[in-house]
């Protein structure tokens, strides 16, 4: 197995450091070697490496001043510790699952517990059914962590395992890597729902050449998440025209409305709606107003002045992130 230390995103992987000690002990256990570092002591040392709370300068809420050099150093160190602790905990659940797979195979609980479920609950505080799901996904989860430096959670692994069954292990890991990178680029976080949405849009077969497979997955990811070009061009914004949508009138008859109703401007006249739905309808009206104002021609004109090129690109990227974030919320929202 590749070094477990590579899973920890802090970059502090020497055995002299708290993060390295945790990683080294995990490796030693999995490889059957004696480990000198006590895990609790290692984690305590990790906590002790945080900046002293007394040295952190209190700042009033609402203060938007630039961070000082000291504050930036404290922030970077603290975030490094947090990432290491998160990676340690996320990796541990997959190591636990692999250990319990061995216990299940050997029925090691047969003299101490009446059932395997009782043994699992006594040892971990978790149910046997939960651990069973983890056991099946642990090999892919740990290999994904080693290759990508990101530790997937159980929900994410359930989705990548579906990709693994259809396209193979490397494609499953590549899916997780690419979706994680693209969502991070867009200022969002990877969820099981995001992985599911992209997985369902993948072609029935992926190219055998790794570079081509990655290009395919990235193209599908960007198209699905609303950032990137499809065969027909950019998909972040719809065409400037608006198509009618079907709504339900008070008598229950579904009709195709004209553009004003499609924009959400006259929906309130059709029926009385709950407060939360009304808020979404108001948001829809605002979005449609923005969509009509932000045309392709507007982008083209804004891009013509070389003096404002940097500001134009900043605004363009910010618009992409905001619109993608809204799209992702709607994509992941419960279906009616």
Protein backbone atom coordinates (compact mmCIF):
# COMPACT_ATOMS: atom_id res chain seq x y z
CA UNK A 1 0.00 0.00 0.00
CA UNK A 2 1.24 3.52 -0.76
CA UNK A 3 2.09 5.75 2.17
CA UNK A 4 -0.91 6.56 4.35
CA UNK A 5 0.83 9.85 5.12
CA UNK A 6 -0.04 11.03 1.61
CA UNK A 7 -3.71 11.09 2.65
CA UNK A 8 -3.12 13.96 5.05
CA UNK A 9 -3.59 17.26 3.28
CA UNK A 10 -1.57 19.37 5.74
CA UNK A 11 1.64 18.36 4.02
CA UNK A 12 3.23 17.68 7.44
CA UNK A 13 4.03 14.00 7.09
CA UNK A 14 7.33 13.48 8.89
CA UNK A 15 7.23 11.05 11.79
CA UNK A 16 8.55 13.79 14.08
CA UNK A 17 5.31 15.74 13.68
CA UNK A 18 1.93 14.91 15.27
CA UNK A 19 0.37 14.38 11.84
CA UNK A 20 3.24 12.13 10.78
CA UNK A 21 3.01 10.14 14.00
CA UNK A 22 -0.67 9.39 13.40
CA UNK A 23 0.03 8.37 9.81
CA UNK A 24 3.06 6.27 10.79
CA UNK A 25 1.13 4.35 13.42
CA UNK A 26 -1.71 3.63 11.00
CA UNK A 27 0.78 2.28 8.46
CA UNK A 28 2.51 0.18 11.08
CA UNK A 29 -0.73 -1.42 12.22
CA UNK A 30 -1.84 -2.24 8.67
CA UNK A 31 1.58 -3.69 7.81
CA UNK A 32 1.91 -5.70 11.03
CA UNK A 33 4.89 -3.75 12.39
CA UNK A 34 5.22 -2.54 15.99
CA UNK A 35 4.35 1.12 16.41
CA UNK A 36 5.98 3.26 19.07
CA UNK A 37 3.58 6.19 18.88
CA UNK A 38 0.47 6.09 21.04
CA UNK A 39 -2.50 7.29 18.93
CA UNK A 40 -4.12 9.30 21.71
CA UNK A 41 -0.82 10.95 22.58
CA UNK A 42 -0.25 11.71 18.88
CA UNK A 43 -3.64 13.37 18.57
CA UNK A 44 -3.06 15.28 21.80
CA UNK A 45 0.23 16.49 20.35
CA UNK A 46 -1.63 17.54 17.23
CA UNK A 47 -4.01 19.62 19.37
CA UNK A 48 -1.06 21.05 21.29
CA UNK A 49 0.47 22.25 18.03
CA UNK A 50 -2.39 24.73 17.61
CA UNK A 51 -1.55 28.38 18.26
CA UNK A 52 -2.12 29.32 21.89
CA UNK A 53 -5.65 30.66 22.33
CA UNK A 54 -4.23 33.43 24.50
CA UNK A 55 -2.05 34.57 21.61
CA UNK A 56 -5.02 34.92 19.24
CA UNK A 57 -6.12 38.54 18.98
CA UNK A 58 -9.86 39.03 19.51
CA UNK A 59 -11.48 40.94 16.65
CA UNK A 60 -14.95 42.46 16.76
CA UNK A 61 -17.66 40.83 14.67
CA UNK A 62 -18.15 42.72 11.44
CA UNK A 63 -14.49 43.78 11.21
CA UNK A 64 -13.39 43.31 7.60
CA UNK A 65 -9.80 44.54 7.94
CA UNK A 66 -6.91 42.65 6.34
CA UNK A 67 -5.34 39.90 8.44
CA UNK A 68 -1.98 40.74 9.94
CA UNK A 69 1.07 38.57 9.20
CA UNK A 70 0.69 36.96 12.63
CA UNK A 71 -2.99 36.25 12.03
CA UNK A 72 -2.24 34.69 8.65
CA UNK A 73 0.39 32.42 10.22
CA UNK A 74 -2.01 31.40 13.01
CA UNK A 75 -4.80 30.79 10.49
CA UNK A 76 -2.60 28.66 8.20
CA UNK A 77 -1.30 26.55 11.11
CA UNK A 78 -4.78 26.07 12.57
CA UNK A 79 -6.28 25.07 9.23
CA UNK A 80 -3.42 22.61 8.69
CA UNK A 81 -4.18 20.96 12.06
CA UNK A 82 -7.91 20.86 11.30
CA UNK A 83 -7.35 19.24 7.91
CA UNK A 84 -5.04 16.65 9.42
CA UNK A 85 -7.55 15.82 12.17
CA UNK A 86 -10.39 15.54 9.64
CA UNK A 87 -8.30 13.30 7.39
CA UNK A 88 -7.32 11.15 10.38
CA UNK A 89 -10.94 10.64 11.42
CA UNK A 90 -12.20 10.03 7.90
CA UNK A 91 -9.46 7.51 7.20
CA UNK A 92 -9.99 5.75 10.53
CA UNK A 93 -13.53 4.63 9.67
CA UNK A 94 -12.23 2.74 6.64
CA UNK A 95 -9.43 1.15 8.68
CA UNK A 96 -12.02 0.09 11.29
CA UNK A 97 -14.14 -1.45 8.54
CA UNK A 98 -11.22 -3.48 7.20
CA UNK A 99 -10.37 -4.71 10.68
CA UNK A 100 -13.92 -5.83 11.33
CA UNK A 101 -13.97 -7.66 8.00
CA UNK A 102 -11.20 -9.85 9.37
CA UNK A 103 -13.05 -10.33 12.64
CA UNK A 104 -16.14 -11.41 10.70
CA UNK A 105 -14.21 -13.89 8.57
CA UNK A 106 -12.52 -15.47 11.59
CA UNK A 107 -15.59 -15.29 13.84
CA UNK A 108 -13.27 -13.96 16.53
CA UNK A 109 -16.25 -12.87 18.59
CA UNK A 110 -17.52 -16.45 19.12
CA UNK A 111 -16.25 -16.83 22.71
CA UNK A 112 -16.87 -13.30 23.94
CA UNK A 113 -20.15 -12.18 22.35
CA UNK A 114 -23.42 -13.90 21.41
CA UNK A 115 -23.54 -12.32 17.94
CA UNK A 116 -21.32 -10.45 15.52
CA UNK A 117 -23.68 -7.46 15.82
CA UNK A 118 -23.15 -7.33 19.58
CA UNK A 119 -19.39 -7.56 19.06
CA UNK A 120 -19.38 -4.70 16.55
CA UNK A 121 -21.55 -2.50 18.73
CA UNK A 122 -19.44 -3.19 21.80
CA UNK A 123 -16.19 -2.46 19.95
CA UNK A 124 -17.26 0.56 17.88
CA UNK A 125 -20.63 1.79 19.10
CA UNK A 126 -21.96 1.29 15.56
CA UNK A 127 -24.46 -1.15 14.12
CA UNK A 128 -23.29 -4.22 12.21
CA UNK A 129 -25.30 -3.18 9.14
CA UNK A 130 -23.53 0.18 9.03
CA UNK A 131 -20.12 -1.46 9.35
CA UNK A 132 -21.05 -4.01 6.69
CA UNK A 133 -21.63 -1.19 4.20
CA UNK A 134 -18.29 0.31 5.15
CA UNK A 135 -16.51 -3.03 4.76
CA UNK A 136 -17.60 -3.37 1.15
CA UNK A 137 -16.40 0.13 0.28
CA UNK A 138 -13.20 0.26 2.34
CA UNK A 139 -10.72 -0.97 -0.31
CA UNK A 140 -11.91 1.61 -2.85
CA UNK A 141 -12.07 4.35 -0.20
CA UNK A 142 -8.50 3.81 0.99
CA UNK A 143 -7.12 3.50 -2.54
CA UNK A 144 -8.98 6.69 -3.50
CA UNK A 145 -7.46 8.46 -0.50
CA UNK A 146 -3.95 7.27 -1.36
CA UNK A 147 -4.22 8.33 -5.01
CA UNK A 148 -6.04 11.64 -4.56
CA UNK A 149 -5.06 12.85 -1.09
CA UNK A 150 -8.78 13.24 -0.31
CA UNK A 151 -10.64 10.81 1.95
CA UNK A 152 -14.15 10.04 0.65
CA UNK A 153 -17.03 9.63 3.07
CA UNK A 154 -19.41 6.63 2.98
CA UNK A 155 -22.03 8.38 0.85
CA UNK A 156 -19.46 9.37 -1.75
CA UNK A 157 -18.05 5.85 -1.86
CA UNK A 158 -21.50 4.37 -2.50
CA UNK A 159 -21.65 6.46 -5.67
CA UNK A 160 -18.09 5.78 -6.82
CA UNK A 161 -18.60 2.05 -6.27
CA UNK A 162 -21.39 2.18 -8.83
CA UNK A 163 -18.89 3.70 -11.24
CA UNK A 164 -16.38 1.02 -10.26
CA UNK A 165 -18.83 -1.75 -11.16
CA UNK A 166 -19.48 -0.24 -14.59
CA UNK A 167 -16.13 1.27 -15.57
CA UNK A 168 -13.51 -0.15 -13.19
CA UNK A 169 -11.54 1.02 -10.18
CA UNK A 170 -9.36 3.61 -11.90
CA UNK A 171 -12.37 5.26 -13.50
CA UNK A 172 -14.13 5.39 -10.11
CA UNK A 173 -11.13 7.08 -8.51
CA UNK A 174 -10.83 9.42 -11.48
CA UNK A 175 -14.49 10.39 -11.14
CA UNK A 176 -13.96 11.31 -7.49
CA UNK A 177 -10.78 13.25 -8.29
CA UNK A 178 -12.24 15.23 -11.19
CA UNK A 179 -15.56 16.07 -9.52
CA UNK A 180 -13.70 17.15 -6.36
CA UNK A 181 -11.37 19.40 -8.36
CA UNK A 182 -14.13 20.99 -10.43
CA UNK A 183 -16.48 21.62 -7.50
CA UNK A 184 -13.60 23.12 -5.52
CA UNK A 185 -12.77 25.35 -8.48
CA UNK A 186 -16.39 26.52 -8.49
CA UNK A 187 -16.34 27.27 -4.78
CA UNK A 188 -18.55 24.32 -3.88
CA UNK A 189 -18.07 21.00 -2.09
CA UNK A 190 -18.33 17.49 -3.46
CA UNK A 191 -21.32 15.53 -2.20
CA UNK A 192 -22.74 12.11 -2.94
CA UNK A 193 -25.48 13.87 -4.91
CA UNK A 194 -22.91 15.69 -7.05
CA UNK A 195 -21.11 12.42 -7.82
CA UNK A 196 -24.44 10.74 -8.63
CA UNK A 197 -25.44 13.52 -11.02
CA UNK A 198 -22.16 13.27 -12.93
CA UNK A 199 -22.09 9.45 -12.86
CA UNK A 200 -25.52 9.25 -14.47
CA UNK A 201 -24.35 11.45 -17.35
CA UNK A 202 -21.24 9.40 -18.15
CA UNK A 203 -21.26 7.48 -21.44
CA UNK A 204 -21.80 3.72 -21.32
CA UNK A 205 -18.10 3.20 -22.03
CA UNK A 206 -15.09 5.36 -21.24
CA UNK A 207 -11.92 5.62 -23.35
CA UNK A 208 -9.21 3.13 -22.37
CA UNK A 209 -6.46 5.76 -22.51
CA UNK A 210 -6.34 7.41 -19.03
CA UNK A 211 -5.86 10.94 -20.39
CA UNK A 212 -8.85 10.55 -22.70
CA UNK A 213 -10.95 9.06 -19.90
CA UNK A 214 -10.12 12.01 -17.68
CA UNK A 215 -11.00 14.47 -20.44
CA UNK A 216 -14.36 12.76 -20.92
CA UNK A 217 -15.17 12.76 -17.20
CA UNK A 218 -14.13 16.40 -16.85
CA UNK A 219 -16.24 17.46 -19.83
CA UNK A 220 -19.28 15.64 -18.41
CA UNK A 221 -18.63 17.08 -14.93
CA UNK A 222 -18.45 20.67 -16.15
CA UNK A 223 -21.53 20.26 -18.32
CA UNK A 224 -23.49 18.63 -15.49
CA UNK A 225 -22.46 21.21 -12.90
CA UNK A 226 -23.13 24.07 -15.28
CA UNK A 227 -19.58 25.22 -16.05
CA UNK A 228 -17.94 24.37 -19.32
CA UNK A 229 -18.81 23.79 -22.93
CA UNK A 230 -20.99 21.10 -24.37
CA UNK A 231 -21.02 20.25 -28.05
CA UNK A 232 -23.47 23.11 -28.51
CA UNK A 233 -21.45 25.69 -26.57
CA UNK A 234 -21.42 27.08 -23.02
CA UNK A 235 -24.02 25.74 -20.60
CA UNK A 236 -23.66 28.15 -17.68
CA UNK A 237 -26.33 30.43 -19.14
CA UNK A 238 -29.32 29.39 -21.14
CA UNK A 239 -30.11 31.11 -24.42
CA UNK A 240 -31.44 34.62 -24.11
CA UNK A 241 -34.85 33.39 -25.21
CA UNK A 242 -37.25 31.89 -22.65
CA UNK A 243 -39.35 28.80 -23.25
CA UNK A 244 -42.76 28.35 -21.67
CA UNK A 245 -43.11 25.97 -18.72
CA UNK A 246 -46.04 23.94 -17.52
CA UNK A 247 -47.78 25.13 -14.35
CA UNK A 248 -50.88 23.91 -12.53
CA UNK A 249 -53.83 26.26 -12.26
CA UNK A 250 -56.22 26.28 -9.26
CA UNK A 251 -58.66 23.91 -11.00
CA UNK A 252 -55.87 21.39 -11.46
CA UNK A 253 -55.50 21.74 -15.22
CA UNK A 254 -51.94 21.90 -16.45
CA UNK A 255 -51.34 24.56 -19.07
CA UNK A 256 -48.37 25.93 -20.93
CA UNK A 257 -47.97 29.58 -19.95
CA UNK A 258 -46.60 32.52 -21.85
CA UNK A 259 -43.17 33.90 -21.08
CA UNK A 260 -44.29 36.13 -18.21
CA UNK A 261 -45.69 33.20 -16.26
CA UNK A 262 -42.66 31.12 -17.19
CA UNK A 263 -40.54 33.81 -15.61
CA UNK A 264 -42.49 33.45 -12.39
CA UNK A 265 -43.98 36.93 -12.57
CA UNK A 266 -47.66 35.97 -12.54
CA UNK A 267 -47.56 32.73 -10.57
CA UNK A 268 -48.96 34.44 -7.48
CA UNK A 269 -52.19 35.17 -9.40
CA UNK A 270 -52.68 31.49 -10.21
CA UNK A 271 -52.84 30.20 -6.63
CA UNK A 272 -51.97 31.03 -3.05
CA UNK A 273 -48.67 29.42 -2.22
CA UNK A 274 -46.80 28.72 1.05
CA UNK A 275 -44.27 31.27 2.30
CA UNK A 276 -41.19 29.25 1.37
CA UNK A 277 -42.45 28.57 -2.14
CA UNK A 278 -43.29 32.27 -2.53
CA UNK A 279 -39.71 33.10 -1.58
CA UNK A 280 -38.44 30.75 -4.28
CA UNK A 281 -40.82 32.34 -6.79
CA UNK A 282 -39.46 35.77 -5.88
CA UNK A 283 -35.95 34.46 -6.38
CA UNK A 284 -36.99 33.06 -9.75
CA UNK A 285 -38.31 36.48 -10.82
CA UNK A 286 -35.04 38.09 -9.81
CA UNK A 287 -33.02 35.47 -11.67
CA UNK A 288 -35.08 35.93 -14.80
CA UNK A 289 -34.57 39.70 -14.66
CA UNK A 290 -30.83 39.14 -14.34
CA UNK A 291 -30.88 36.56 -17.14
CA UNK A 292 -32.57 39.03 -19.49
CA UNK A 293 -30.08 41.77 -18.57
CA UNK A 294 -26.95 39.62 -18.79
CA UNK A 295 -26.79 38.81 -22.50
CA UNK A 296 -24.03 37.34 -24.62
CA UNK A 297 -23.64 40.74 -26.25
CA UNK A 298 -23.09 42.35 -22.84
CA UNK A 299 -20.21 39.96 -22.16
CA UNK A 300 -18.77 40.60 -25.61
CA UNK A 301 -18.85 44.37 -25.13
CA UNK A 302 -17.37 44.18 -21.61
CA UNK A 303 -14.48 42.09 -22.89
CA UNK A 304 -13.41 44.61 -25.55
CA UNK A 305 -11.55 47.05 -23.25
CA UNK A 306 -8.01 45.74 -22.57
CA UNK A 307 -7.59 48.16 -19.67
CA UNK A 308 -10.36 46.43 -17.74
CA UNK A 309 -9.44 42.86 -18.75
CA UNK A 310 -8.47 41.74 -15.23
CA UNK A 311 -11.61 43.17 -13.63
CA UNK A 312 -13.78 41.72 -16.40
CA UNK A 313 -12.34 38.25 -15.83
CA UNK A 314 -12.80 38.56 -12.07
CA UNK A 315 -16.46 39.49 -12.51
CA UNK A 316 -17.02 36.78 -15.12
CA UNK A 317 -15.60 34.09 -12.83
CA UNK A 318 -17.62 35.40 -9.88
CA UNK A 319 -20.83 35.21 -11.95
CA UNK A 320 -19.99 31.64 -12.94
CA UNK A 321 -19.45 30.63 -9.30
CA UNK A 322 -22.63 32.29 -8.06
CA UNK A 323 -24.85 30.87 -10.80
CA UNK A 324 -23.32 27.42 -10.41
CA UNK A 325 -23.86 27.51 -6.65
CA UNK A 326 -27.56 28.30 -7.17
CA UNK A 327 -27.86 25.58 -9.81
CA UNK A 328 -26.25 23.03 -7.51
CA UNK A 329 -28.65 23.89 -4.68
CA UNK A 330 -31.60 23.33 -7.00
CA UNK A 331 -30.02 20.17 -8.44
CA UNK A 332 -29.53 18.66 -4.98
CA UNK A 333 -32.87 19.83 -3.57
CA UNK A 334 -35.66 17.29 -2.88
CA UNK A 335 -37.79 16.52 -5.92
CA UNK A 336 -41.48 17.37 -5.80
